Amino acid sequence: MSKLILTHEVTGLGAPGDVVDVKNGFARNYLIPQGFAVAWTRGGEKQIESIKAARASREHATLEEAQDLKARLQAATVKLTVKAGEGGRLFGSVKTADVAEAVAAAGLGSLEQDADMVILLHRESAYEAENARAGEADLIIAKHRNGPTRTITVGFHGHFSRFV
């Protein structure tokens, strides 16, 4: 087992500044070459303190920025103009880029650059009463700063208003 100091967030393992024990191959072949960790040493304790101090200051600044953006978004109305047919049915779809452009045009900042993750919800059964995918919904992870993007299918219990 190798004792390492994480320098970046590693899902399922820890946050920057955490001291972890991992298998030698995982440390040698992935964590250290990718720059996610450095070998633990006695002098590494100073590194841990500086990493944790930097993380704390970053979290404080990020939280304040996020609260400021939230307040600005809640106070504003952003309108999107899209083509629709009879009955209000859209031609195409409203994409995350469309929402981000409308928010930027309203002078509220850049959503996509500020977000760590953008998750969209799509339920086909909301548009078609007789749908083969009734009771299902797609969570579309459109942006993820620390990992891959993908679509996750989940169950939808409408009578409980929840996803499982």
Protein backbone atom coordinates (compact mmCIF):
# COMPACT_ATOMS: atom_id res chain seq x y z
CA MET A 1 0.00 0.00 0.00
CA SER A 2 1.18 3.51 -0.84
CA LYS A 3 0.51 6.52 1.35
CA LEU A 4 -0.31 9.58 -0.78
CA ILE A 5 -1.41 13.18 -0.40
CA LEU A 6 -4.22 14.06 -2.82
CA THR A 7 -3.67 17.28 -4.76
CA HIS A 8 -7.04 17.14 -6.58
CA GLU A 9 -10.54 15.83 -5.87
CA VAL A 10 -10.72 12.10 -6.69
CA THR A 11 -14.24 10.68 -6.70
CA GLY A 12 -14.63 7.94 -4.14
CA LEU A 13 -11.21 8.56 -2.64
CA GLY A 14 -11.00 12.03 -1.14
CA ALA A 15 -10.50 15.76 -1.45
CA PRO A 16 -7.31 17.78 -1.97
CA GLY A 17 -5.09 17.60 1.09
CA ASP A 18 -6.40 14.22 2.27
CA VAL A 19 -3.86 11.53 3.14
CA VAL A 20 -4.96 8.18 1.66
CA ASP A 21 -3.64 4.63 1.45
CA VAL A 22 -4.05 3.06 -1.99
CA LYS A 23 -2.65 0.07 -3.80
CA ASN A 24 0.83 0.56 -5.26
CA GLY A 25 -0.28 0.07 -8.88
CA PHE A 26 -3.11 2.61 -8.59
CA ALA A 27 -0.68 5.15 -7.14
CA ARG A 28 2.16 4.45 -9.59
CA ASN A 29 0.07 4.06 -12.77
CA TYR A 30 -2.74 6.58 -12.29
CA LEU A 31 -2.76 8.98 -9.36
CA ILE A 32 0.84 10.21 -9.45
CA PRO A 33 1.28 10.41 -13.29
CA GLN A 34 -2.06 12.24 -13.69
CA GLY A 35 -1.03 14.74 -10.99
CA PHE A 36 -3.87 13.79 -8.65
CA ALA A 37 -1.52 12.91 -5.79
CA VAL A 38 2.05 13.12 -4.50
CA ALA A 39 3.90 10.67 -2.32
CA TRP A 40 3.48 11.27 1.41
CA THR A 41 6.57 12.42 3.29
CA ARG A 42 7.11 14.08 6.64
CA GLY A 43 7.69 17.34 4.79
CA GLY A 44 4.41 16.66 3.01
CA GLU A 45 2.56 17.76 6.13
CA LYS A 46 3.43 21.34 5.16
CA GLN A 47 1.99 20.65 1.71
CA ILE A 48 -1.20 19.37 3.30
CA GLU A 49 -1.59 22.54 5.34
CA SER A 50 -1.04 24.78 2.29
CA ILE A 51 -3.45 22.71 0.15
CA LYS A 52 -6.14 22.83 2.84
CA ALA A 53 -5.66 26.59 3.35
CA ALA A 54 -5.94 27.19 -0.41
CA ARG A 55 -9.04 24.97 -0.59
CA ALA A 56 -10.69 26.81 2.29
CA SER A 57 -10.08 30.22 0.71
CA ARG A 58 -11.29 28.94 -2.69
CA GLU A 59 -14.45 27.45 -1.17
CA HIS A 60 -15.18 30.70 0.66
CA ALA A 61 -14.76 32.77 -2.52
CA THR A 62 -16.69 30.23 -4.60
CA LEU A 63 -19.57 30.16 -2.11
CA GLU A 64 -19.84 33.95 -2.09
CA GLU A 65 -19.74 34.07 -5.90
CA ALA A 66 -22.38 31.33 -6.15
CA GLN A 67 -24.68 33.10 -3.69
CA ASP A 68 -24.24 36.36 -5.62
CA LEU A 69 -25.05 34.62 -8.93
CA LYS A 70 -28.06 32.90 -7.35
CA ALA A 71 -29.42 36.23 -6.09
CA ARG A 72 -28.94 37.86 -9.52
CA LEU A 73 -30.62 34.94 -11.33
CA GLN A 74 -33.58 34.88 -8.95
CA ALA A 75 -34.10 38.63 -9.30
CA ALA A 76 -34.00 38.58 -13.11
CA THR A 77 -36.28 37.26 -15.82
CA VAL A 78 -34.58 35.65 -18.78
CA LYS A 79 -36.64 35.12 -21.94
CA LEU A 80 -35.88 32.60 -24.65
CA THR A 81 -37.53 32.98 -28.05
CA VAL A 82 -37.97 29.68 -29.88
CA LYS A 83 -40.04 28.54 -32.84
CA ALA A 84 -43.18 26.65 -31.92
CA GLY A 85 -46.06 25.17 -33.87
CA GLU A 86 -49.74 25.02 -33.10
CA GLY A 87 -50.45 24.10 -29.51
CA GLY A 88 -47.11 25.45 -28.33
CA ARG A 89 -45.11 22.40 -29.45
CA LEU A 90 -41.44 23.32 -30.01
CA PHE A 91 -39.53 22.83 -33.25
CA GLY A 92 -36.33 21.26 -31.95
CA SER A 93 -35.31 21.84 -28.36
CA VAL A 94 -33.92 24.41 -25.96
CA LYS A 95 -30.29 23.50 -25.37
CA THR A 96 -28.01 24.40 -22.47
CA ALA A 97 -26.09 26.69 -24.83
CA ASP A 98 -29.33 28.58 -25.58
CA VAL A 99 -30.00 29.11 -21.87
CA ALA A 100 -26.37 30.15 -21.24
CA GLU A 101 -26.52 32.66 -24.14
CA ALA A 102 -29.79 34.16 -22.86
CA VAL A 103 -28.37 34.53 -19.35
CA ALA A 104 -25.20 36.14 -20.73
CA ALA A 105 -27.27 38.47 -22.97
CA ALA A 106 -29.23 39.56 -19.91
CA GLY A 107 -25.92 40.59 -18.32
CA LEU A 108 -26.06 37.99 -15.54
CA GLY A 109 -22.71 36.34 -16.17
CA SER A 110 -21.64 33.12 -17.81
CA LEU A 111 -23.52 30.12 -16.45
CA GLU A 112 -21.51 27.38 -18.09
CA GLN A 113 -18.17 28.80 -17.01
CA ASP A 114 -19.37 29.30 -13.44
CA ALA A 115 -21.00 25.88 -13.05
CA ASP A 116 -19.20 22.77 -11.87
CA MET A 117 -22.00 20.65 -13.24
CA VAL A 118 -25.04 21.23 -15.48
CA ILE A 119 -27.79 18.60 -15.23
CA LEU A 120 -30.85 18.67 -17.47
CA LEU A 121 -34.02 16.65 -16.99
CA HIS A 122 -35.92 15.15 -19.93
CA ARG A 123 -39.15 13.12 -19.70
CA GLU A 124 -40.55 11.98 -23.06
CA SER A 125 -43.85 11.08 -21.40
CA ALA A 126 -44.36 14.77 -20.61
CA TYR A 127 -44.75 15.40 -24.35
CA GLU A 128 -46.54 12.24 -25.49
CA ALA A 129 -49.34 10.66 -23.49
CA GLU A 130 -48.82 7.20 -25.01
CA ASN A 131 -45.09 6.69 -24.71
CA ALA A 132 -43.13 3.47 -24.39
CA ARG A 133 -40.87 5.18 -21.85
CA ALA A 134 -43.64 6.18 -19.44
CA GLY A 135 -42.27 6.17 -15.91
CA GLU A 136 -38.72 6.93 -17.06
CA ALA A 137 -36.70 10.13 -17.23
CA ASP A 138 -33.24 11.04 -18.49
CA LEU A 139 -30.82 13.04 -16.38
CA ILE A 140 -28.46 14.57 -18.91
CA ILE A 141 -25.14 15.58 -17.37
CA ALA A 142 -24.26 18.21 -19.94
CA LYS A 143 -21.16 19.53 -18.18
CA HIS A 144 -19.07 18.05 -15.41
CA ARG A 145 -15.86 19.80 -14.44
CA ASN A 146 -14.46 16.77 -12.61
CA GLY A 147 -15.65 13.94 -14.81
CA PRO A 148 -17.38 12.67 -17.93
CA THR A 149 -20.69 13.81 -19.39
CA ARG A 150 -23.42 11.26 -19.96
CA THR A 151 -27.13 10.52 -19.87
CA ILE A 152 -28.52 8.56 -16.93
CA THR A 153 -31.95 6.92 -17.16
CA VAL A 154 -33.91 6.96 -13.91
CA GLY A 155 -37.40 5.92 -12.88
CA PHE A 156 -40.03 8.62 -12.36
CA HIS A 157 -42.82 8.22 -9.81
CA GLY A 158 -45.14 11.09 -10.77
CA HIS A 159 -47.61 10.45 -7.97
CA PHE A 160 -44.78 10.97 -5.46
CA SER A 161 -42.97 13.61 -7.55
CA ARG A 162 -39.67 11.79 -7.22
CA PHE A 163 -36.97 10.11 -9.28
CA VAL A 164 -35.45 6.76 -8.36
